Amino acid sequence: MAIAINGSTYYRTAEVYQIVGISRSTLFRWLKEGSFRDVQNVDRRGWRLFT
């Protein structure tokens, strides 16, 4: 379920890899390699949020 914060829509990690159609391990490998720039956003639990 997408999250709306201050008018912007954010997606959690599980939603992103399901929407994109890749595996969880591929997404985490890409994150480790620095393929994404906008991962500074986190929710109250410290989970990554993507725009």
PDB file of N, CA and C in Angstrom:
ATOM      1  N   MET A   1       0.840  -1.173   0.000  1.00  0.00           N
ATOM      2  CA  MET A   1       0.000   0.000   0.000  1.00  0.00           C
ATOM      3  C   MET A   1       0.888   1.239   0.000  1.00  0.00           C
ATOM      4  N   ALA A   2       0.690   2.099  -0.953  1.00  0.00           N
ATOM      5  CA  ALA A   2       1.465   3.331  -1.067  1.00  0.00           C
ATOM      6  C   ALA A   2       1.147   4.255   0.106  1.00  0.00           C
ATOM      7  N   ILE A   3       2.105   5.087   0.443  1.00  0.00           N
ATOM      8  CA  ILE A   3       1.966   6.019   1.557  1.00  0.00           C
ATOM      9  C   ILE A   3       2.015   7.441   0.996  1.00  0.00           C
ATOM     10  N   ALA A   4       1.099   8.281   1.413  1.00  0.00           N
ATOM     11  CA  ALA A   4       1.110   9.685   1.011  1.00  0.00           C
ATOM     12  C   ALA A   4       1.649  10.521   2.163  1.00  0.00           C
ATOM     13  N   ILE A   5       2.726  11.251   1.904  1.00  0.00           N
ATOM     14  CA  ILE A   5       3.333  12.126   2.904  1.00  0.00           C
ATOM     15  C   ILE A   5       3.520  13.497   2.269  1.00  0.00           C
ATOM     16  N   ASN A   6       2.898  14.491   2.854  1.00  0.00           N
ATOM     17  CA  ASN A   6       2.989  15.869   2.354  1.00  0.00           C
ATOM     18  C   ASN A   6       2.716  15.966   0.860  1.00  0.00           C
ATOM     19  N   GLY A   7       1.724  15.244   0.379  1.00  0.00           N
ATOM     20  CA  GLY A   7       1.337  15.313  -1.016  1.00  0.00           C
ATOM     21  C   GLY A   7       2.161  14.463  -1.972  1.00  0.00           C
ATOM     22  N   SER A   8       3.170  13.751  -1.481  1.00  0.00           N
ATOM     23  CA  SER A   8       3.986  12.873  -2.315  1.00  0.00           C
ATOM     24  C   SER A   8       3.639  11.425  -2.006  1.00  0.00           C
ATOM     25  N   THR A   9       3.688  10.580  -3.024  1.00  0.00           N
ATOM     26  CA  THR A   9       3.390   9.162  -2.854  1.00  0.00           C
ATOM     27  C   THR A   9       4.693   8.381  -2.741  1.00  0.00           C
ATOM     28  N   TYR A  10       4.779   7.532  -1.725  1.00  0.00           N
ATOM     29  CA  TYR A  10       5.965   6.721  -1.488  1.00  0.00           C
ATOM     30  C   TYR A  10       5.584   5.252  -1.455  1.00  0.00           C
ATOM     31  N   TYR A  11       6.526   4.402  -1.892  1.00  0.00           N
ATOM     32  CA  TYR A  11       6.317   2.956  -1.911  1.00  0.00           C
ATOM     33  C   TYR A  11       7.367   2.280  -1.051  1.00  0.00           C
ATOM     34  N   ARG A  12       6.963   1.203  -0.374  1.00  0.00           N
ATOM     35  CA  ARG A  12       7.906   0.423   0.426  1.00  0.00           C
ATOM     36  C   ARG A  12       8.682  -0.522  -0.483  1.00  0.00           C
ATOM     37  N   THR A  13       9.736  -1.102   0.051  1.00  0.00           N
ATOM     38  CA  THR A  13      10.627  -1.975  -0.717  1.00  0.00           C
ATOM     39  C   THR A  13       9.877  -3.119  -1.389  1.00  0.00           C
ATOM     40  N   ALA A  14       9.029  -3.816  -0.661  1.00  0.00           N
ATOM     41  CA  ALA A  14       8.298  -4.954  -1.222  1.00  0.00           C
ATOM     42  C   ALA A  14       7.397  -4.523  -2.376  1.00  0.00           C
ATOM     43  N   GLU A  15       6.799  -3.366  -2.257  1.00  0.00           N
ATOM     44  CA  GLU A  15       5.940  -2.875  -3.332  1.00  0.00           C
ATOM     45  C   GLU A  15       6.752  -2.547  -4.576  1.00  0.00           C
ATOM     46  N   VAL A  16       7.923  -1.987  -4.382  1.00  0.00           N
ATOM     47  CA  VAL A  16       8.764  -1.600  -5.516  1.00  0.00           C
ATOM     48  C   VAL A  16       9.187  -2.818  -6.325  1.00  0.00           C
ATOM     49  N   TYR A  17       9.719  -3.849  -5.688  1.00  0.00           N
ATOM     50  CA  TYR A  17      10.191  -4.975  -6.488  1.00  0.00           C
ATOM     51  C   TYR A  17       9.046  -5.755  -7.114  1.00  0.00           C
ATOM     52  N   GLN A  18       7.863  -5.722  -6.516  1.00  0.00           N
ATOM     53  CA  GLN A  18       6.703  -6.367  -7.132  1.00  0.00           C
ATOM     54  C   GLN A  18       6.194  -5.562  -8.323  1.00  0.00           C
ATOM     55  N   ILE A  19       6.132  -4.259  -8.200  1.00  0.00           N
ATOM     56  CA  ILE A  19       5.680  -3.401  -9.292  1.00  0.00           C
ATOM     57  C   ILE A  19       6.637  -3.496 -10.479  1.00  0.00           C
ATOM     58  N   VAL A  20       7.931  -3.446 -10.191  1.00  0.00           N
ATOM     59  CA  VAL A  20       8.934  -3.466 -11.250  1.00  0.00           C
ATOM     60  C   VAL A  20       9.077  -4.861 -11.860  1.00  0.00           C
ATOM     61  N   GLY A  21       8.775  -5.892 -11.086  1.00  0.00           N
ATOM     62  CA  GLY A  21       8.852  -7.254 -11.587  1.00  0.00           C
ATOM     63  C   GLY A  21      10.234  -7.868 -11.476  1.00  0.00           C
ATOM     64  N   ILE A  22      10.941  -7.508 -10.403  1.00  0.00           N
ATOM     65  CA  ILE A  22      12.262  -8.076 -10.141  1.00  0.00           C
ATOM     66  C   ILE A  22      12.229  -8.786  -8.797  1.00  0.00           C
ATOM     67  N   SER A  23      13.282  -9.519  -8.506  1.00  0.00           N
ATOM     68  CA  SER A  23      13.337 -10.214  -7.220  1.00  0.00           C
ATOM     69  C   SER A  23      13.812  -9.264  -6.125  1.00  0.00           C
ATOM     70  N   ARG A  24      13.552  -9.672  -4.913  1.00  0.00           N
ATOM     71  CA  ARG A  24      13.981  -8.892  -3.751  1.00  0.00           C
ATOM     72  C   ARG A  24      15.501  -8.753  -3.727  1.00  0.00           C
ATOM     73  N   SER A  25      16.190  -9.849  -4.010  1.00  0.00           N
ATOM     74  CA  SER A  25      17.648  -9.817  -3.975  1.00  0.00           C
ATOM     75  C   SER A  25      18.225  -8.887  -5.041  1.00  0.00           C
ATOM     76  N   THR A  26      17.581  -8.813  -6.203  1.00  0.00           N
ATOM     77  CA  THR A  26      18.043  -7.894  -7.249  1.00  0.00           C
ATOM     78  C   THR A  26      17.904  -6.452  -6.784  1.00  0.00           C
ATOM     79  N   LEU A  27      16.765  -6.108  -6.190  1.00  0.00           N
ATOM     80  CA  LEU A  27      16.571  -4.745  -5.703  1.00  0.00           C
ATOM     81  C   LEU A  27      17.616  -4.399  -4.649  1.00  0.00           C
ATOM     82  N   PHE A  28      17.861  -5.300  -3.701  1.00  0.00           N
ATOM     83  CA  PHE A  28      18.845  -5.012  -2.668  1.00  0.00           C
ATOM     84  C   PHE A  28      20.263  -4.935  -3.222  1.00  0.00           C
ATOM     85  N   ARG A  29      20.558  -5.723  -4.240  1.00  0.00           N
ATOM     86  CA  ARG A  29      21.871  -5.622  -4.893  1.00  0.00           C
ATOM     87  C   ARG A  29      22.011  -4.259  -5.556  1.00  0.00           C
ATOM     88  N   TRP A  30      20.972  -3.794  -6.252  1.00  0.00           N
ATOM     89  CA  TRP A  30      21.004  -2.480  -6.888  1.00  0.00           C
ATOM     90  C   TRP A  30      21.149  -1.372  -5.855  1.00  0.00           C
ATOM     91  N   LEU A  31      20.485  -1.518  -4.716  1.00  0.00           N
ATOM     92  CA  LEU A  31      20.621  -0.522  -3.653  1.00  0.00           C
ATOM     93  C   LEU A  31      22.057  -0.477  -3.139  1.00  0.00           C
ATOM     94  N   LYS A  32      22.649  -1.647  -2.951  1.00  0.00           N
ATOM     95  CA  LYS A  32      24.023  -1.725  -2.456  1.00  0.00           C
ATOM     96  C   LYS A  32      25.003  -1.110  -3.456  1.00  0.00           C
ATOM     97  N   GLU A  33      24.728  -1.288  -4.745  1.00  0.00           N
ATOM     98  CA  GLU A  33      25.582  -0.740  -5.795  1.00  0.00           C
ATOM     99  C   GLU A  33      25.392   0.761  -5.976  1.00  0.00           C
ATOM    100  N   GLY A  34      24.361   1.327  -5.349  1.00  0.00           N
ATOM    101  CA  GLY A  34      24.109   2.762  -5.454  1.00  0.00           C
ATOM    102  C   GLY A  34      23.335   3.156  -6.700  1.00  0.00           C
ATOM    103  N   SER A  35      22.533   2.261  -7.233  1.00  0.00           N
ATOM    104  CA  SER A  35      21.780   2.540  -8.452  1.00  0.00           C
ATOM    105  C   SER A  35      20.647   3.539  -8.249  1.00  0.00           C
ATOM    106  N   PHE A  36      20.255   3.801  -7.006  1.00  0.00           N
ATOM    107  CA  PHE A  36      19.157   4.713  -6.719  1.00  0.00           C
ATOM    108  C   PHE A  36      19.655   5.875  -5.883  1.00  0.00           C
ATOM    109  N   ARG A  37      19.130   7.063  -6.174  1.00  0.00           N
ATOM    110  CA  ARG A  37      19.563   8.248  -5.449  1.00  0.00           C
ATOM    111  C   ARG A  37      18.574   8.719  -4.399  1.00  0.00           C
ATOM    112  N   ASP A  38      17.307   8.395  -4.534  1.00  0.00           N
ATOM    113  CA  ASP A  38      16.304   8.972  -3.638  1.00  0.00           C
ATOM    114  C   ASP A  38      15.874   8.024  -2.518  1.00  0.00           C
ATOM    115  N   VAL A  39      16.819   7.302  -1.935  1.00  0.00           N
ATOM    116  CA  VAL A  39      16.491   6.332  -0.892  1.00  0.00           C
ATOM    117  C   VAL A  39      16.721   6.923   0.496  1.00  0.00           C
ATOM    118  N   GLN A  40      16.941   8.208   0.591  1.00  0.00           N
ATOM    119  CA  GLN A  40      17.147   8.826   1.895  1.00  0.00           C
ATOM    120  C   GLN A  40      15.862   8.831   2.716  1.00  0.00           C
ATOM    121  N   ASN A  41      14.725   8.685   2.047  1.00  0.00           N
ATOM    122  CA  ASN A  41      13.436   8.723   2.734  1.00  0.00           C
ATOM    123  C   ASN A  41      13.176   7.402   3.452  1.00  0.00           C
ATOM    124  N   VAL A  42      12.855   7.502   4.720  1.00  0.00           N
ATOM    125  CA  VAL A  42      12.525   6.316   5.507  1.00  0.00           C
ATOM    126  C   VAL A  42      11.286   6.600   6.341  1.00  0.00           C
ATOM    127  N   ASP A  43      10.568   5.538   6.696  1.00  0.00           N
ATOM    128  CA  ASP A  43       9.397   5.723   7.552  1.00  0.00           C
ATOM    129  C   ASP A  43       9.820   5.668   9.018  1.00  0.00           C
ATOM    130  N   ARG A  44       8.864   5.682   9.906  1.00  0.00           N
ATOM    131  CA  ARG A  44       9.167   5.741  11.346  1.00  0.00           C
ATOM    132  C   ARG A  44       9.894   4.503  11.849  1.00  0.00           C
ATOM    133  N   ARG A  45       9.823   3.398  11.106  1.00  0.00           N
ATOM    134  CA  ARG A  45      10.512   2.164  11.490  1.00  0.00           C
ATOM    135  C   ARG A  45      11.909   2.076  10.879  1.00  0.00           C
ATOM    136  N   GLY A  46      12.271   3.033  10.044  1.00  0.00           N
ATOM    137  CA  GLY A  46      13.572   3.013   9.401  1.00  0.00           C
ATOM    138  C   GLY A  46      13.564   2.278   8.067  1.00  0.00           C
ATOM    139  N   TRP A  47      12.390   1.912   7.570  1.00  0.00           N
ATOM    140  CA  TRP A  47      12.293   1.213   6.288  1.00  0.00           C
ATOM    141  C   TRP A  47      12.411   2.211   5.150  1.00  0.00           C
ATOM    142  N   ARG A  48      13.038   1.798   4.059  1.00  0.00           N
ATOM    143  CA  ARG A  48      13.211   2.671   2.899  1.00  0.00           C
ATOM    144  C   ARG A  48      11.864   2.968   2.247  1.00  0.00           C
ATOM    145  N   LEU A  49      11.755   4.188   1.742  1.00  0.00           N
ATOM    146  CA  LEU A  49      10.586   4.597   0.973  1.00  0.00           C
ATOM    147  C   LEU A  49      11.054   5.140  -0.361  1.00  0.00           C
ATOM    148  N   PHE A  50      10.384   4.744  -1.427  1.00  0.00           N
ATOM    149  CA  PHE A  50      10.755   5.150  -2.783  1.00  0.00           C
ATOM    150  C   PHE A  50       9.662   6.001  -3.392  1.00  0.00           C
ATOM    151  N   THR A  51      10.064   6.979  -4.202  1.00  0.00           N
ATOM    152  CA  THR A  51       9.092   7.811  -4.904  1.00  0.00           C
ATOM    153  C   THR A  51       8.772   7.212  -6.253  1.00  0.00           C
TER     154      THR A  51
END
